[in-house]
mmCIF file of all heavy atoms, coordinates in Angstrom:
data_MODEL
# 
_entry.id   MODEL 
# 
loop_
_atom_site.group_PDB 
_atom_site.id 
_atom_site.type_symbol 
_atom_site.label_atom_id 
_atom_site.label_alt_id 
_atom_site.label_comp_id 
_atom_site.label_asym_id 
_atom_site.label_entity_id 
_atom_site.label_seq_id 
_atom_site.pdbx_PDB_ins_code 
_atom_site.Cartn_x 
_atom_site.Cartn_y 
_atom_site.Cartn_z 
_atom_site.occupancy 
_atom_site.B_iso_or_equiv 
_atom_site.pdbx_formal_charge 
_atom_site.auth_seq_id 
_atom_site.auth_comp_id 
_atom_site.auth_asym_id 
_atom_site.auth_atom_id 
_atom_site.pdbx_PDB_model_num 
ATOM 1   N N   . GLU A 1 1  ? 13.819 67.130 5.840  1.00 0.00 ? 1  GLU A N   1 
ATOM 2   C CA  . GLU A 1 1  ? 12.819 67.632 6.793  1.00 0.00 ? 1  GLU A CA  1 
ATOM 3   C C   . GLU A 1 1  ? 11.462 66.970 6.602  1.00 0.00 ? 1  GLU A C   1 
ATOM 4   O O   . GLU A 1 1  ? 10.710 66.796 7.568  1.00 0.00 ? 1  GLU A O   1 
ATOM 5   C CB  . GLU A 1 1  ? 12.697 69.148 6.653  1.00 0.00 ? 1  GLU A CB  1 
ATOM 6   C CG  . GLU A 1 1  ? 13.974 69.886 7.054  1.00 0.00 ? 1  GLU A CG  1 
ATOM 7   C CD  . GLU A 1 1  ? 13.842 71.385 6.924  1.00 0.00 ? 1  GLU A CD  1 
ATOM 8   O OE1 . GLU A 1 1  ? 12.747 71.847 6.518  1.00 0.00 ? 1  GLU A OE1 1 
ATOM 9   O OE2 . GLU A 1 1  ? 14.819 72.103 7.200  1.00 0.00 ? 1  GLU A OE2 1 
ATOM 10  N N   . ASP A 1 2  ? 11.150 66.596 5.382  1.00 0.00 ? 2  ASP A N   1 
ATOM 11  C CA  . ASP A 1 2  ? 9.881  65.920 5.120  1.00 0.00 ? 2  ASP A CA  1 
ATOM 12  C C   . ASP A 1 2  ? 9.892  64.534 5.763  1.00 0.00 ? 2  ASP A C   1 
ATOM 13  O O   . ASP A 1 2  ? 10.791 63.725 5.518  1.00 0.00 ? 2  ASP A O   1 
ATOM 14  C CB  . ASP A 1 2  ? 9.675  65.797 3.608  1.00 0.00 ? 2  ASP A CB  1 
ATOM 15  C CG  . ASP A 1 2  ? 8.392  65.056 3.264  1.00 0.00 ? 2  ASP A CG  1 
ATOM 16  O OD1 . ASP A 1 2  ? 7.319  65.659 3.353  1.00 0.00 ? 2  ASP A OD1 1 
ATOM 17  O OD2 . ASP A 1 2  ? 8.494  63.848 2.925  1.00 0.00 ? 2  ASP A OD2 1 
ATOM 18  N N   . ASP A 1 3  ? 8.900  64.255 6.603  1.00 0.00 ? 3  ASP A N   1 
ATOM 19  C CA  . ASP A 1 3  ? 8.869  62.996 7.349  1.00 0.00 ? 3  ASP A CA  1 
ATOM 20  C C   . ASP A 1 3  ? 8.848  61.780 6.427  1.00 0.00 ? 3  ASP A C   1 
ATOM 21  O O   . ASP A 1 3  ? 9.539  60.786 6.678  1.00 0.00 ? 3  ASP A O   1 
ATOM 22  C CB  . ASP A 1 3  ? 7.645  62.955 8.269  1.00 0.00 ? 3  ASP A CB  1 
ATOM 23  C CG  . ASP A 1 3  ? 7.767  63.926 9.433  1.00 0.00 ? 3  ASP A CG  1 
ATOM 24  O OD1 . ASP A 1 3  ? 8.903  64.378 9.705  1.00 0.00 ? 3  ASP A OD1 1 
ATOM 25  O OD2 . ASP A 1 3  ? 6.740  64.231 10.065 1.00 0.00 ? 3  ASP A OD2 1 
ATOM 26  N N   . GLY A 1 4  ? 8.055  61.843 5.379  1.00 0.00 ? 4  GLY A N   1 
ATOM 27  C CA  . GLY A 1 4  ? 7.960  60.707 4.469  1.00 0.00 ? 4  GLY A CA  1 
ATOM 28  C C   . GLY A 1 4  ? 9.279  60.433 3.768  1.00 0.00 ? 4  GLY A C   1 
ATOM 29  O O   . GLY A 1 4  ? 9.709  59.277 3.650  1.00 0.00 ? 4  GLY A O   1 
ATOM 30  N N   . ALA A 1 5  ? 9.931  61.484 3.313  1.00 0.00 ? 5  ALA A N   1 
ATOM 31  C CA  . ALA A 1 5  ? 11.222 61.320 2.638  1.00 0.00 ? 5  ALA A CA  1 
ATOM 32  C C   . ALA A 1 5  ? 12.271 60.793 3.608  1.00 0.00 ? 5  ALA A C   1 
ATOM 33  O O   . ALA A 1 5  ? 13.101 59.950 3.245  1.00 0.00 ? 5  ALA A O   1 
ATOM 34  C CB  . ALA A 1 5  ? 11.672 62.649 2.039  1.00 0.00 ? 5  ALA A CB  1 
ATOM 35  N N   . ARG A 1 6  ? 12.227 61.268 4.854  1.00 0.00 ? 6  ARG A N   1 
ATOM 36  C CA  . ARG A 1 6  ? 13.215 60.792 5.834  1.00 0.00 ? 6  ARG A CA  1 
ATOM 37  C C   . ARG A 1 6  ? 12.993 59.317 6.143  1.00 0.00 ? 6  ARG A C   1 
ATOM 38  O O   . ARG A 1 6  ? 13.958 58.557 6.300  1.00 0.00 ? 6  ARG A O   1 
ATOM 39  C CB  . ARG A 1 6  ? 13.132 61.630 7.114  1.00 0.00 ? 6  ARG A CB  1 
ATOM 40  C CG  . ARG A 1 6  ? 14.291 61.361 8.079  1.00 0.00 ? 6  ARG A CG  1 
ATOM 41  C CD  . ARG A 1 6  ? 14.410 62.420 9.153  1.00 0.00 ? 6  ARG A CD  1 
ATOM 42  N NE  . ARG A 1 6  ? 13.236 62.518 9.985  1.00 0.00 ? 6  ARG A NE  1 
ATOM 43  C CZ  . ARG A 1 6  ? 12.344 63.508 9.925  1.00 0.00 ? 6  ARG A CZ  1 
ATOM 44  N NH1 . ARG A 1 6  ? 12.517 64.510 9.058  1.00 0.00 ? 6  ARG A NH1 1 
ATOM 45  N NH2 . ARG A 1 6  ? 11.295 63.528 10.713 1.00 0.00 ? 6  ARG A NH2 1 
ATOM 46  N N   . ARG A 1 7  ? 11.743 58.876 6.220  1.00 0.00 ? 7  ARG A N   1 
ATOM 47  C CA  . ARG A 1 7  ? 11.470 57.453 6.450  1.00 0.00 ? 7  ARG A CA  1 
ATOM 48  C C   . ARG A 1 7  ? 11.988 56.623 5.282  1.00 0.00 ? 7  ARG A C   1 
ATOM 49  O O   . ARG A 1 7  ? 12.590 55.566 5.482  1.00 0.00 ? 7  ARG A O   1 
ATOM 50  C CB  . ARG A 1 7  ? 9.973  57.227 6.647  1.00 0.00 ? 7  ARG A CB  1 
ATOM 51  C CG  . ARG A 1 7  ? 9.463  57.544 8.049  1.00 0.00 ? 7  ARG A CG  1 
ATOM 52  C CD  . ARG A 1 7  ? 8.084  56.951 8.265  1.00 0.00 ? 7  ARG A CD  1 
ATOM 53  N NE  . ARG A 1 7  ? 7.112  57.498 7.337  1.00 0.00 ? 7  ARG A NE  1 
ATOM 54  C CZ  . ARG A 1 7  ? 6.398  58.608 7.562  1.00 0.00 ? 7  ARG A CZ  1 
ATOM 55  N NH1 . ARG A 1 7  ? 6.572  59.278 8.705  1.00 0.00 ? 7  ARG A NH1 1 
ATOM 56  N NH2 . ARG A 1 7  ? 5.537  59.045 6.675  1.00 0.00 ? 7  ARG A NH2 1 
ATOM 57  N N   . ARG A 1 8  ? 11.748 57.088 4.065  1.00 0.00 ? 8  ARG A N   1 
ATOM 58  C CA  . ARG A 1 8  ? 12.231 56.350 2.895  1.00 0.00 ? 8  ARG A CA  1 
ATOM 59  C C   . ARG A 1 8  ? 13.752 56.256 2.900  1.00 0.00 ? 8  ARG A C   1 
ATOM 60  O O   . ARG A 1 8  ? 14.323 55.207 2.599  1.00 0.00 ? 8  ARG A O   1 
ATOM 61  C CB  . ARG A 1 8  ? 11.754 57.032 1.611  1.00 0.00 ? 8  ARG A CB  1 
ATOM 62  C CG  . ARG A 1 8  ? 10.261 56.919 1.347  1.00 0.00 ? 8  ARG A CG  1 
ATOM 63  C CD  . ARG A 1 8  ? 9.909  57.600 0.039  1.00 0.00 ? 8  ARG A CD  1 
ATOM 64  N NE  . ARG A 1 8  ? 10.546 56.937 -1.099 1.00 0.00 ? 8  ARG A NE  1 
ATOM 65  C CZ  . ARG A 1 8  ? 10.680 57.507 -2.301 1.00 0.00 ? 8  ARG A CZ  1 
ATOM 66  N NH1 . ARG A 1 8  ? 10.253 58.752 -2.494 1.00 0.00 ? 8  ARG A NH1 1 
ATOM 67  N NH2 . ARG A 1 8  ? 11.249 56.840 -3.282 1.00 0.00 ? 8  ARG A NH2 1 
ATOM 68  N N   . LEU A 1 9  ? 14.404 57.350 3.262  1.00 0.00 ? 9  LEU A N   1 
ATOM 69  C CA  . LEU A 1 9  ? 15.861 57.345 3.307  1.00 0.00 ? 9  LEU A CA  1 
ATOM 70  C C   . LEU A 1 9  ? 16.361 56.413 4.410  1.00 0.00 ? 9  LEU A C   1 
ATOM 71  O O   . LEU A 1 9  ? 17.355 55.697 4.229  1.00 0.00 ? 9  LEU A O   1 
ATOM 72  C CB  . LEU A 1 9  ? 16.387 58.763 3.543  1.00 0.00 ? 9  LEU A CB  1 
ATOM 73  C CG  . LEU A 1 9  ? 17.908 58.928 3.498  1.00 0.00 ? 9  LEU A CG  1 
ATOM 74  C CD1 . LEU A 1 9  ? 18.446 58.559 2.116  1.00 0.00 ? 9  LEU A CD1 1 
ATOM 75  C CD2 . LEU A 1 9  ? 18.309 60.365 3.851  1.00 0.00 ? 9  LEU A CD2 1 
ATOM 76  N N   . THR A 1 10 ? 15.666 56.399 5.540  1.00 0.00 ? 10 THR A N   1 
ATOM 77  C CA  . THR A 1 10 ? 16.028 55.507 6.642  1.00 0.00 ? 10 THR A CA  1 
ATOM 78  C C   . THR A 1 10 ? 15.941 54.048 6.207  1.00 0.00 ? 10 THR A C   1 
ATOM 79  O O   . THR A 1 10 ? 16.858 53.259 6.460  1.00 0.00 ? 10 THR A O   1 
ATOM 80  C CB  . THR A 1 10 ? 15.100 55.739 7.846  1.00 0.00 ? 10 THR A CB  1 
ATOM 81  O OG1 . THR A 1 10 ? 15.266 57.076 8.303  1.00 0.00 ? 10 THR A OG1 1 
ATOM 82  C CG2 . THR A 1 10 ? 15.435 54.777 8.984  1.00 0.00 ? 10 THR A CG2 1 
ATOM 83  N N   . TYR A 1 11 ? 14.853 53.701 5.555  1.00 0.00 ? 11 TYR A N   1 
ATOM 84  C CA  . TYR A 1 11 ? 14.692 52.320 5.105  1.00 0.00 ? 11 TYR A CA  1 
ATOM 85  C C   . TYR A 1 11 ? 15.759 51.975 4.064  1.00 0.00 ? 11 TYR A C   1 
ATOM 86  O O   . TYR A 1 11 ? 16.312 50.871 4.075  1.00 0.00 ? 11 TYR A O   1 
ATOM 87  C CB  . TYR A 1 11 ? 13.296 52.111 4.518  1.00 0.00 ? 11 TYR A CB  1 
ATOM 88  C CG  . TYR A 1 11 ? 12.187 52.232 5.539  1.00 0.00 ? 11 TYR A CG  1 
ATOM 89  C CD1 . TYR A 1 11 ? 10.968 52.811 5.204  1.00 0.00 ? 11 TYR A CD1 1 
ATOM 90  C CD2 . TYR A 1 11 ? 12.363 51.776 6.851  1.00 0.00 ? 11 TYR A CD2 1 
ATOM 91  C CE1 . TYR A 1 11 ? 9.945  52.934 6.149  1.00 0.00 ? 11 TYR A CE1 1 
ATOM 92  C CE2 . TYR A 1 11 ? 11.351 51.894 7.786  1.00 0.00 ? 11 TYR A CE2 1 
ATOM 93  C CZ  . TYR A 1 11 ? 10.151 52.479 7.440  1.00 0.00 ? 11 TYR A CZ  1 
ATOM 94  O OH  . TYR A 1 11 ? 9.150  52.603 8.368  1.00 0.00 ? 11 TYR A OH  1 
ATOM 95  N N   . TRP A 1 12 ? 16.034 52.894 3.159  1.00 0.00 ? 12 TRP A N   1 
ATOM 96  C CA  . TRP A 1 12 ? 17.054 52.645 2.139  1.00 0.00 ? 12 TRP A CA  1 
ATOM 97  C C   . TRP A 1 12 ? 18.406 52.388 2.801  1.00 0.00 ? 12 TRP A C   1 
ATOM 98  O O   . TRP A 1 12 ? 19.100 51.443 2.461  1.00 0.00 ? 12 TRP A O   1 
ATOM 99  C CB  . TRP A 1 12 ? 17.146 53.849 1.190  1.00 0.00 ? 12 TRP A CB  1 
ATOM 100 C CG  . TRP A 1 12 ? 18.169 53.679 0.112  1.00 0.00 ? 12 TRP A CG  1 
ATOM 101 C CD1 . TRP A 1 12 ? 17.981 53.109 -1.115 1.00 0.00 ? 12 TRP A CD1 1 
ATOM 102 C CD2 . TRP A 1 12 ? 19.555 54.044 0.169  1.00 0.00 ? 12 TRP A CD2 1 
ATOM 103 N NE1 . TRP A 1 12 ? 19.156 53.096 -1.834 1.00 0.00 ? 12 TRP A NE1 1 
ATOM 104 C CE2 . TRP A 1 12 ? 20.143 53.672 -1.068 1.00 0.00 ? 12 TRP A CE2 1 
ATOM 105 C CE3 . TRP A 1 12 ? 20.354 54.652 1.135  1.00 0.00 ? 12 TRP A CE3 1 
ATOM 106 C CZ2 . TRP A 1 12 ? 21.486 53.899 -1.355 1.00 0.00 ? 12 TRP A CZ2 1 
ATOM 107 C CZ3 . TRP A 1 12 ? 21.699 54.874 0.856  1.00 0.00 ? 12 TRP A CZ3 1 
ATOM 108 C CH2 . TRP A 1 12 ? 22.258 54.495 -0.378 1.00 0.00 ? 12 TRP A CH2 1 
ATOM 109 N N   . TRP A 1 13 ? 18.768 53.250 3.737  1.00 0.00 ? 13 TRP A N   1 
ATOM 110 C CA  . TRP A 1 13 ? 20.054 53.114 4.422  1.00 0.00 ? 13 TRP A CA  1 
ATOM 111 C C   . TRP A 1 13 ? 20.113 51.798 5.197  1.00 0.00 ? 13 TRP A C   1 
ATOM 112 O O   . TRP A 1 13 ? 21.095 51.077 5.152  1.00 0.00 ? 13 TRP A O   1 
ATOM 113 C CB  . TRP A 1 13 ? 20.255 54.302 5.359  1.00 0.00 ? 13 TRP A CB  1 
ATOM 114 C CG  . TRP A 1 13 ? 21.575 54.283 6.067  1.00 0.00 ? 13 TRP A CG  1 
ATOM 115 C CD1 . TRP A 1 13 ? 22.738 54.842 5.654  1.00 0.00 ? 13 TRP A CD1 1 
ATOM 116 C CD2 . TRP A 1 13 ? 21.868 53.660 7.329  1.00 0.00 ? 13 TRP A CD2 1 
ATOM 117 N NE1 . TRP A 1 13 ? 23.745 54.605 6.558  1.00 0.00 ? 13 TRP A NE1 1 
ATOM 118 C CE2 . TRP A 1 13 ? 23.234 53.880 7.598  1.00 0.00 ? 13 TRP A CE2 1 
ATOM 119 C CE3 . TRP A 1 13 ? 21.122 52.926 8.242  1.00 0.00 ? 13 TRP A CE3 1 
ATOM 120 C CZ2 . TRP A 1 13 ? 23.854 53.401 8.748  1.00 0.00 ? 13 TRP A CZ2 1 
ATOM 121 C CZ3 . TRP A 1 13 ? 21.743 52.440 9.384  1.00 0.00 ? 13 TRP A CZ3 1 
ATOM 122 C CH2 . TRP A 1 13 ? 23.089 52.683 9.634  1.00 0.00 ? 13 TRP A CH2 1 
ATOM 123 N N   . ARG A 1 14 ? 19.037 51.472 5.922  1.00 0.00 ? 14 ARG A N   1 
ATOM 124 C CA  . ARG A 1 14 ? 19.017 50.267 6.739  1.00 0.00 ? 14 ARG A CA  1 
ATOM 125 C C   . ARG A 1 14 ? 19.167 49.013 5.886  1.00 0.00 ? 14 ARG A C   1 
ATOM 126 O O   . ARG A 1 14 ? 19.889 48.078 6.241  1.00 0.00 ? 14 ARG A O   1 
ATOM 127 C CB  . ARG A 1 14 ? 17.717 50.194 7.532  1.00 0.00 ? 14 ARG A CB  1 
ATOM 128 C CG  . ARG A 1 14 ? 17.647 48.993 8.466  1.00 0.00 ? 14 ARG A CG  1 
ATOM 129 C CD  . ARG A 1 14 ? 16.322 48.985 9.216  1.00 0.00 ? 14 ARG A CD  1 
ATOM 130 N NE  . ARG A 1 14 ? 15.194 48.897 8.299  1.00 0.00 ? 14 ARG A NE  1 
ATOM 131 C CZ  . ARG A 1 14 ? 13.934 49.085 8.657  1.00 0.00 ? 14 ARG A CZ  1 
ATOM 132 N NH1 . ARG A 1 14 ? 13.639 49.398 9.907  1.00 0.00 ? 14 ARG A NH1 1 
ATOM 133 N NH2 . ARG A 1 14 ? 12.966 48.980 7.771  1.00 0.00 ? 14 ARG A NH2 1 
ATOM 134 N N   . ASP A 1 15 ? 18.507 48.997 4.724  1.00 0.00 ? 15 ASP A N   1 
ATOM 135 C CA  . ASP A 1 15 ? 18.569 47.827 3.866  1.00 0.00 ? 15 ASP A CA  1 
ATOM 136 C C   . ASP A 1 15 ? 19.983 47.561 3.354  1.00 0.00 ? 15 ASP A C   1 
ATOM 137 O O   . ASP A 1 15 ? 20.336 46.420 3.036  1.00 0.00 ? 15 ASP A O   1 
ATOM 138 C CB  . ASP A 1 15 ? 17.637 47.992 2.663  1.00 0.00 ? 15 ASP A CB  1 
ATOM 139 C CG  . ASP A 1 15 ? 16.176 47.856 3.056  1.00 0.00 ? 15 ASP A CG  1 
ATOM 140 O OD1 . ASP A 1 15 ? 15.910 47.349 4.167  1.00 0.00 ? 15 ASP A OD1 1 
ATOM 141 O OD2 . ASP A 1 15 ? 15.319 48.266 2.251  1.00 0.00 ? 15 ASP A OD2 1 
ATOM 142 N N   . ARG A 1 16 ? 20.801 48.598 3.292  1.00 0.00 ? 16 ARG A N   1 
ATOM 143 C CA  . ARG A 1 16 ? 22.122 48.456 2.674  1.00 0.00 ? 16 ARG A CA  1 
ATOM 144 C C   . ARG A 1 16 ? 23.283 48.531 3.643  1.00 0.00 ? 16 ARG A C   1 
ATOM 145 O O   . ARG A 1 16 ? 24.370 48.060 3.333  1.00 0.00 ? 16 ARG A O   1 
ATOM 146 C CB  . ARG A 1 16 ? 22.296 49.547 1.609  1.00 0.00 ? 16 ARG A CB  1 
ATOM 147 C CG  . ARG A 1 16 ? 21.426 49.306 0.393  1.00 0.00 ? 16 ARG A CG  1 
ATOM 148 C CD  . ARG A 1 16 ? 21.159 50.574 -0.381 1.00 0.00 ? 16 ARG A CD  1 
ATOM 149 N NE  . ARG A 1 16 ? 20.302 50.289 -1.535 1.00 0.00 ? 16 ARG A NE  1 
ATOM 150 C CZ  . ARG A 1 16 ? 18.984 50.141 -1.449 1.00 0.00 ? 16 ARG A CZ  1 
ATOM 151 N NH1 . ARG A 1 16 ? 18.373 50.225 -0.269 1.00 0.00 ? 16 ARG A NH1 1 
ATOM 152 N NH2 . ARG A 1 16 ? 18.265 49.882 -2.530 1.00 0.00 ? 16 ARG A NH2 1 
ATOM 153 N N   . ALA A 1 17 ? 23.056 49.094 4.828  1.00 0.00 ? 17 ALA A N   1 
ATOM 154 C CA  . ALA A 1 17 ? 24.192 49.362 5.712  1.00 0.00 ? 17 ALA A CA  1 
ATOM 155 C C   . ALA A 1 17 ? 24.147 48.640 7.038  1.00 0.00 ? 17 ALA A C   1 
ATOM 156 O O   . ALA A 1 17 ? 25.186 48.321 7.598  1.00 0.00 ? 17 ALA A O   1 
ATOM 157 C CB  . ALA A 1 17 ? 24.313 50.866 5.962  1.00 0.00 ? 17 ALA A CB  1 
ATOM 158 N N   . ALA A 1 18 ? 22.958 48.409 7.595  1.00 0.00 ? 18 ALA A N   1 
ATOM 159 C CA  . ALA A 1 18 ? 22.899 47.848 8.945  1.00 0.00 ? 18 ALA A CA  1 
ATOM 160 C C   . ALA A 1 18 ? 21.500 47.341 9.235  1.00 0.00 ? 18 ALA A C   1 
ATOM 161 O O   . ALA A 1 18 ? 20.555 47.667 8.515  1.00 0.00 ? 18 ALA A O   1 
ATOM 162 C CB  . ALA A 1 18 ? 23.279 48.922 9.961  1.00 0.00 ? 18 ALA A CB  1 
ATOM 163 N N   . PRO A 1 19 ? 21.342 46.549 10.307 1.00 0.00 ? 19 PRO A N   1 
ATOM 164 C CA  . PRO A 1 19 ? 20.010 46.071 10.678 1.00 0.00 ? 19 PRO A CA  1 
ATOM 165 C C   . PRO A 1 19 ? 19.048 47.207 10.992 1.00 0.00 ? 19 PRO A C   1 
ATOM 166 O O   . PRO A 1 19 ? 17.861 47.097 10.791 1.00 0.00 ? 19 PRO A O   1 
ATOM 167 C CB  . PRO A 1 19 ? 20.278 45.217 11.922 1.00 0.00 ? 19 PRO A CB  1 
ATOM 168 C CG  . PRO A 1 19 ? 21.703 44.818 11.799 1.00 0.00 ? 19 PRO A CG  1 
ATOM 169 C CD  . PRO A 1 19 ? 22.390 45.974 11.160 1.00 0.00 ? 19 PRO A CD  1 
ATOM 170 N N   . ARG A 1 20 ? 19.569 48.311 11.496 1.00 0.00 ? 20 ARG A N   1 
ATOM 171 C CA  . ARG A 1 20 ? 18.701 49.440 11.819 1.00 0.00 ? 20 ARG A CA  1 
ATOM 172 C C   . ARG A 1 20 ? 19.503 50.735 11.705 1.00 0.00 ? 20 ARG A C   1 
ATOM 173 O O   . ARG A 1 20 ? 20.731 50.727 11.809 1.00 0.00 ? 20 ARG A O   1 
ATOM 174 C CB  . ARG A 1 20 ? 18.122 49.316 13.226 1.00 0.00 ? 20 ARG A CB  1 
ATOM 175 C CG  . ARG A 1 20 ? 19.178 49.204 14.310 1.00 0.00 ? 20 ARG A CG  1 
ATOM 176 C CD  . ARG A 1 20 ? 18.540 48.930 15.666 1.00 0.00 ? 20 ARG A CD  1 
ATOM 177 N NE  . ARG A 1 20 ? 19.542 48.736 16.707 1.00 0.00 ? 20 ARG A NE  1 
ATOM 178 C CZ  . ARG A 1 20 ? 20.172 49.712 17.332 1.00 0.00 ? 20 ARG A CZ  1 
ATOM 179 N NH1 . ARG A 1 20 ? 19.902 50.974 17.017 1.00 0.00 ? 20 ARG A NH1 1 
ATOM 180 N NH2 . ARG A 1 20 ? 21.070 49.454 18.266 1.00 0.00 ? 20 ARG A NH2 1 
ATOM 181 N N   . PRO A 1 21 ? 18.824 51.867 11.524 1.00 0.00 ? 21 PRO A N   1 
ATOM 182 C CA  . PRO A 1 21 ? 19.519 53.145 11.452 1.00 0.00 ? 21 PRO A CA  1 
ATOM 183 C C   . PRO A 1 21 ? 20.226 53.438 12.770 1.00 0.00 ? 21 PRO A C   1 
ATOM 184 O O   . PRO A 1 21 ? 19.894 52.862 13.813 1.00 0.00 ? 21 PRO A O   1 
ATOM 185 C CB  . PRO A 1 21 ? 18.394 54.152 11.195 1.00 0.00 ? 21 PRO A CB  1 
ATOM 186 C CG  . PRO A 1 21 ? 17.259 53.339 10.676 1.00 0.00 ? 21 PRO A CG  1 
ATOM 187 C CD  . PRO A 1 21 ? 17.377 51.990 11.317 1.00 0.00 ? 21 PRO A CD  1 
ATOM 188 N N   . PRO A 1 22 ? 21.225 54.318 12.763 1.00 0.00 ? 22 PRO A N   1 
ATOM 189 C CA  . PRO A 1 22 ? 21.944 54.624 13.998 1.00 0.00 ? 22 PRO A CA  1 
ATOM 190 C C   . PRO A 1 22 ? 21.020 55.221 15.062 1.00 0.00 ? 22 PRO A C   1 
ATOM 191 O O   . PRO A 1 22 ? 20.166 56.060 14.754 1.00 0.00 ? 22 PRO A O   1 
ATOM 192 C CB  . PRO A 1 22 ? 23.001 55.639 13.553 1.00 0.00 ? 22 PRO A CB  1 
ATOM 193 C CG  . PRO A 1 22 ? 22.470 56.214 12.276 1.00 0.00 ? 22 PRO A CG  1 
ATOM 194 C CD  . PRO A 1 22 ? 21.706 55.107 11.624 1.00 0.00 ? 22 PRO A CD  1 
ATOM 195 N N   . GLY A 1 23 ? 21.166 54.747 16.303 1.00 0.00 ? 23 GLY A N   1 
ATOM 196 C CA  . GLY A 1 23 ? 20.381 55.293 17.399 1.00 0.00 ? 23 GLY A CA  1 
ATOM 197 C C   . GLY A 1 23 ? 20.867 56.657 17.818 1.00 0.00 ? 23 GLY A C   1 
ATOM 198 O O   . GLY A 1 23 ? 21.872 57.172 17.337 1.00 0.00 ? 23 GLY A O   1 
ATOM 199 N N   . ARG A 1 24 ? 20.178 57.257 18.818 1.00 0.00 ? 24 ARG A N   1 
ATOM 200 C CA  . ARG A 1 24 ? 20.501 58.619 19.227 1.00 0.00 ? 24 ARG A CA  1 
ATOM 201 C C   . ARG A 1 24 ? 21.937 58.717 19.747 1.00 0.00 ? 24 ARG A C   1 
ATOM 202 O O   . ARG A 1 24 ? 22.678 59.636 19.372 1.00 0.00 ? 24 ARG A O   1 
ATOM 203 C CB  . ARG A 1 24 ? 19.513 59.075 20.316 1.00 0.00 ? 24 ARG A CB  1 
ATOM 204 C CG  . ARG A 1 24 ? 19.838 60.455 20.881 1.00 0.00 ? 24 ARG A CG  1 
ATOM 205 C CD  . ARG A 1 24 ? 18.795 60.892 21.906 1.00 0.00 ? 24 ARG A CD  1 
ATOM 206 N NE  . ARG A 1 24 ? 19.199 62.118 22.558 1.00 0.00 ? 24 ARG A NE  1 
ATOM 207 C CZ  . ARG A 1 24 ? 19.081 63.326 22.040 1.00 0.00 ? 24 ARG A CZ  1 
ATOM 208 N NH1 . ARG A 1 24 ? 18.583 63.457 20.813 1.00 0.00 ? 24 ARG A NH1 1 
ATOM 209 N NH2 . ARG A 1 24 ? 19.470 64.402 22.697 1.00 0.00 ? 24 ARG A NH2 1 
ATOM 210 N N   . ALA A 1 25 ? 22.345 57.766 20.584 1.00 0.00 ? 25 ALA A N   1 
ATOM 211 C CA  . ALA A 1 25 ? 23.703 57.827 21.148 1.00 0.00 ? 25 ALA A CA  1 
ATOM 212 C C   . ALA A 1 25 ? 24.748 57.732 20.042 1.00 0.00 ? 25 ALA A C   1 
ATOM 213 O O   . ALA A 1 25 ? 25.747 58.463 20.034 1.00 0.00 ? 25 ALA A O   1 
ATOM 214 C CB  . ALA A 1 25 ? 23.899 56.708 22.167 1.00 0.00 ? 25 ALA A CB  1 
# 
């Protein structure tokens, strides 16, 4: 829920799994 933590998790995931986090669809 914390915006900062979610951004950090997004960047972590993106660096290891895909060019960008999954979109809404």
